[in-house]
Amino acid sequence: MDIENLSRYISIWIKPEKTIQAIIHSPGRSTYVLSVFFAFYVAQKAFIELMTKTYKGEFSATVVLFSILVGITVATICIFGGGHLLAIIGRKLNGVGNHREIRVSIVWSFVPLITAIPFMIPKILLLISSNIGIVELTLFRLLEAAIVFQGVLVVLSIYSFGLLVRTLAVVHRYSKRKALYTVMITAFVIGVTIIVFQYVISLTV
């Protein structure tokens, strides 16, 4: 990791507008690296959900493989599918960003979420420890009890949303208010699509 890329990871937190402009003009490989880390973040989330709700704490290779598949799929849909929607809706509000620029904006807005990866490791170890014979460490129980995991995720998720709005405003060359509208409309469209899809699936089951 060179100094330029490291400085971008830091400056995206405090100067997102200037940082995203610099990245768009000289993208490098950092965006691809962050995409992989975001897929890993989603895979961690999927693993926790599967172990907690679906598999009821039963650890197996199937859970790991399915979590990885979910991570790759969701990351791809968010970056490319979400980017396509943000481009279309943004243009309706007089935005001018192209698909590549918008994908860059999306990926770099994930930096706060990617930062949450280490905070999920204790919870994952806590979930699998009883299944593979590892003694559950008191530290992990304390972290669980203190709700550090959920609290950190909430804060970083909010920050990530704010970064998306601010970087999207730069990419589309319009106001933050229009960027907020673009993100909210896109989220609404995605939400309705998911609800309709789930309803159709329920009819066929």
Protein backbone atom coordinates (compact mmCIF):
# COMPACT_ATOMS: atom_id res chain seq x y z
CA MET A 1 0.00 0.00 0.00
CA ASP A 2 1.61 3.28 -1.08
CA ILE A 3 1.42 6.60 0.76
CA GLU A 4 -0.99 8.10 -1.79
CA ASN A 5 -3.56 5.34 -1.34
CA LEU A 6 -3.17 5.40 2.44
CA SER A 7 -3.80 9.14 2.50
CA ARG A 8 -6.96 8.62 0.44
CA TYR A 9 -8.30 6.10 2.95
CA ILE A 10 -7.85 8.72 5.65
CA SER A 11 -8.94 11.82 3.73
CA ILE A 12 -12.20 10.20 2.52
CA TRP A 13 -13.40 10.51 6.13
CA ILE A 14 -12.75 14.22 6.48
CA LYS A 15 -12.54 15.61 2.94
CA PRO A 16 -14.71 13.29 0.83
CA GLU A 17 -15.39 15.81 -1.94
CA LYS A 18 -11.73 16.55 -2.71
CA THR A 19 -10.76 12.92 -2.23
CA ILE A 20 -13.33 11.53 -4.65
CA GLN A 21 -12.32 14.09 -7.27
CA ALA A 22 -8.70 12.97 -6.98
CA ILE A 23 -9.69 9.30 -7.18
CA ILE A 24 -11.83 9.84 -10.29
CA HIS A 25 -8.96 11.57 -12.07
CA SER A 26 -6.44 8.93 -10.95
CA PRO A 27 -8.33 5.82 -9.83
CA GLY A 28 -5.52 3.29 -9.37
CA ARG A 29 -6.22 -0.16 -7.93
CA SER A 30 -7.59 0.98 -4.58
CA THR A 31 -11.20 0.90 -5.76
CA TYR A 32 -10.89 -2.77 -6.74
CA VAL A 33 -9.26 -3.61 -3.41
CA LEU A 34 -12.07 -1.88 -1.51
CA SER A 35 -14.65 -3.81 -3.57
CA VAL A 36 -13.11 -7.08 -2.40
CA PHE A 37 -13.08 -5.90 1.21
CA PHE A 38 -16.72 -4.86 0.96
CA ALA A 39 -17.62 -8.35 -0.33
CA PHE A 40 -15.75 -9.74 2.70
CA TYR A 41 -17.71 -7.40 5.00
CA VAL A 42 -21.03 -8.63 3.54
CA ALA A 43 -19.85 -12.24 3.85
CA GLN A 44 -19.13 -11.67 7.55
CA LYS A 45 -22.60 -10.20 8.05
CA ALA A 46 -24.17 -13.11 6.17
CA PHE A 47 -22.22 -15.62 8.27
CA ILE A 48 -23.45 -14.04 11.51
CA GLU A 49 -27.07 -13.99 10.28
CA LEU A 50 -26.91 -17.61 9.07
CA MET A 51 -25.28 -18.89 12.25
CA THR A 52 -27.72 -16.98 14.45
CA LYS A 53 -31.04 -17.54 12.66
CA THR A 54 -30.85 -20.24 9.99
CA TYR A 55 -28.34 -22.77 11.29
CA LYS A 56 -28.95 -22.04 14.99
CA GLY A 57 -25.25 -22.05 15.85
CA GLU A 58 -24.39 -25.20 13.88
CA PHE A 59 -21.07 -24.43 12.22
CA SER A 60 -20.19 -26.14 8.92
CA ALA A 61 -18.31 -25.56 5.66
CA THR A 62 -21.68 -24.97 3.99
CA VAL A 63 -22.24 -21.87 6.10
CA VAL A 64 -18.83 -20.49 5.14
CA LEU A 65 -19.25 -21.18 1.42
CA PHE A 66 -22.77 -19.76 1.33
CA SER A 67 -21.62 -16.65 3.21
CA ILE A 68 -18.86 -16.08 0.65
CA LEU A 69 -21.35 -16.50 -2.19
CA VAL A 70 -23.70 -13.99 -0.57
CA GLY A 71 -20.84 -11.53 -0.07
CA ILE A 72 -19.76 -11.65 -3.72
CA THR A 73 -23.34 -11.47 -5.01
CA VAL A 74 -24.49 -8.60 -2.79
CA ALA A 75 -21.31 -6.58 -3.41
CA THR A 76 -21.72 -6.98 -7.17
CA ILE A 77 -25.39 -5.97 -7.08
CA CYS A 78 -24.69 -2.95 -4.85
CA ILE A 79 -21.83 -1.66 -6.97
CA PHE A 80 -23.15 -2.36 -10.46
CA GLY A 81 -26.93 -2.56 -9.99
CA GLY A 82 -27.00 0.27 -7.47
CA GLY A 83 -24.63 2.29 -9.63
CA HIS A 84 -26.90 1.88 -12.64
CA LEU A 85 -29.94 3.09 -10.69
CA LEU A 86 -28.05 6.02 -9.19
CA ALA A 87 -26.94 7.00 -12.69
CA ILE A 88 -30.46 6.85 -14.17
CA ILE A 89 -32.21 8.61 -11.28
CA GLY A 90 -29.38 11.13 -10.95
CA ARG A 91 -29.76 12.14 -14.59
CA LYS A 92 -33.46 12.76 -14.03
CA LEU A 93 -32.32 15.38 -11.51
CA ASN A 94 -29.84 16.89 -14.00
CA GLY A 95 -26.85 14.88 -12.80
CA VAL A 96 -24.00 14.25 -15.24
CA GLY A 97 -21.97 11.47 -13.60
CA ASN A 98 -21.14 8.42 -15.71
CA HIS A 99 -21.39 4.82 -14.54
CA ARG A 100 -17.69 4.45 -13.73
CA GLU A 101 -17.60 7.58 -11.60
CA ILE A 102 -20.72 6.52 -9.72
CA ARG A 103 -19.30 3.06 -9.03
CA VAL A 104 -16.19 4.72 -7.61
CA SER A 105 -18.40 6.90 -5.42
CA ILE A 106 -20.29 3.86 -4.13
CA VAL A 107 -17.19 1.81 -3.37
CA TRP A 108 -15.40 4.60 -1.51
CA SER A 109 -18.51 5.35 0.54
CA PHE A 110 -18.12 1.78 1.89
CA VAL A 111 -14.86 2.67 3.66
CA PRO A 112 -16.56 3.17 7.09
CA LEU A 113 -18.36 -0.18 6.75
CA ILE A 114 -15.13 -1.91 5.77
CA THR A 115 -13.58 -0.44 8.91
CA ALA A 116 -16.16 -2.46 10.88
CA ILE A 117 -14.63 -5.78 9.75
CA PRO A 118 -12.39 -6.19 12.85
CA PHE A 119 -15.34 -5.46 15.15
CA MET A 120 -17.23 -8.46 13.74
CA ILE A 121 -14.42 -10.95 14.35
CA PRO A 122 -15.11 -11.39 18.12
CA LYS A 123 -18.78 -12.13 17.43
CA ILE A 124 -17.88 -14.66 14.72
CA LEU A 125 -15.40 -16.39 17.04
CA LEU A 126 -18.03 -16.44 19.77
CA LEU A 127 -20.52 -18.11 17.42
CA ILE A 128 -18.17 -20.87 16.22
CA SER A 129 -16.15 -21.46 19.39
CA SER A 130 -18.59 -23.91 20.99
CA ASN A 131 -18.77 -25.91 17.75
CA ILE A 132 -15.03 -26.52 17.32
CA GLY A 133 -14.01 -26.99 20.94
CA ILE A 134 -12.47 -23.57 21.64
CA VAL A 135 -13.04 -22.15 25.08
CA GLU A 136 -15.17 -19.03 24.78
CA LEU A 137 -13.04 -16.16 26.03
CA THR A 138 -14.48 -13.78 28.60
CA LEU A 139 -13.38 -10.82 26.45
CA PHE A 140 -15.69 -11.93 23.64
CA ARG A 141 -18.60 -12.26 26.06
CA LEU A 142 -17.91 -8.78 27.43
CA LEU A 143 -17.85 -7.32 23.91
CA GLU A 144 -21.14 -9.06 23.17
CA ALA A 145 -22.74 -7.88 26.42
CA ALA A 146 -21.57 -4.29 25.96
CA ILE A 147 -23.22 -4.13 22.51
CA VAL A 148 -20.02 -2.69 21.09
CA PHE A 149 -20.55 -4.62 17.87
CA GLN A 150 -24.01 -3.22 17.08
CA GLY A 151 -23.18 0.26 18.31
CA VAL A 152 -20.11 0.58 16.09
CA LEU A 153 -21.99 -0.75 13.07
CA VAL A 154 -24.80 1.78 13.49
CA VAL A 155 -22.39 4.72 13.69
CA LEU A 156 -20.31 3.56 10.73
CA SER A 157 -23.42 2.83 8.65
CA ILE A 158 -24.69 6.37 9.18
CA TYR A 159 -21.29 7.79 8.28
CA SER A 160 -21.17 5.60 5.18
CA PHE A 161 -24.57 6.90 4.07
CA GLY A 162 -23.37 10.47 4.52
CA LEU A 163 -20.26 9.74 2.46
CA LEU A 164 -22.36 8.31 -0.36
CA VAL A 165 -24.48 11.46 -0.49
CA ARG A 166 -21.46 13.79 -0.46
CA THR A 167 -19.41 11.86 -3.02
CA LEU A 168 -22.43 11.36 -5.29
CA ALA A 169 -23.01 15.13 -5.28
CA VAL A 170 -19.46 15.59 -6.58
CA VAL A 171 -19.82 12.90 -9.24
CA HIS A 172 -23.17 14.16 -10.52
CA ARG A 173 -22.05 17.81 -10.23
CA TYR A 174 -25.12 18.90 -8.32
CA SER A 175 -26.16 19.83 -4.77
CA LYS A 176 -26.05 17.52 -1.74
CA ARG A 177 -29.82 17.88 -1.48
CA LYS A 178 -30.26 16.42 -4.96
CA ALA A 179 -27.77 13.69 -4.09
CA LEU A 180 -29.83 12.86 -1.00
CA TYR A 181 -32.99 12.68 -3.11
CA THR A 182 -31.19 10.42 -5.59
CA VAL A 183 -30.06 8.01 -2.87
CA MET A 184 -33.47 7.97 -1.17
CA ILE A 185 -35.37 7.33 -4.42
CA THR A 186 -32.90 4.59 -5.35
CA ALA A 187 -33.32 2.98 -1.92
CA PHE A 188 -37.11 3.17 -2.32
CA VAL A 189 -36.98 1.50 -5.75
CA ILE A 190 -34.72 -1.26 -4.43
CA GLY A 191 -36.95 -1.76 -1.37
CA VAL A 192 -40.12 -2.05 -3.46
CA THR A 193 -38.37 -4.47 -5.83
CA ILE A 194 -37.32 -6.69 -2.93
CA ILE A 195 -40.84 -6.68 -1.44
CA VAL A 196 -42.42 -7.56 -4.80
CA PHE A 197 -39.83 -10.31 -5.38
CA GLN A 198 -40.47 -11.81 -1.96
CA TYR A 199 -44.23 -11.68 -2.56
CA VAL A 200 -43.90 -13.47 -5.92
CA ILE A 201 -41.67 -16.11 -4.35
CA SER A 202 -44.19 -16.66 -1.55
CA LEU A 203 -46.93 -17.29 -4.13
CA THR A 204 -44.89 -19.96 -5.85
CA VAL A 205 -43.92 -21.82 -2.67
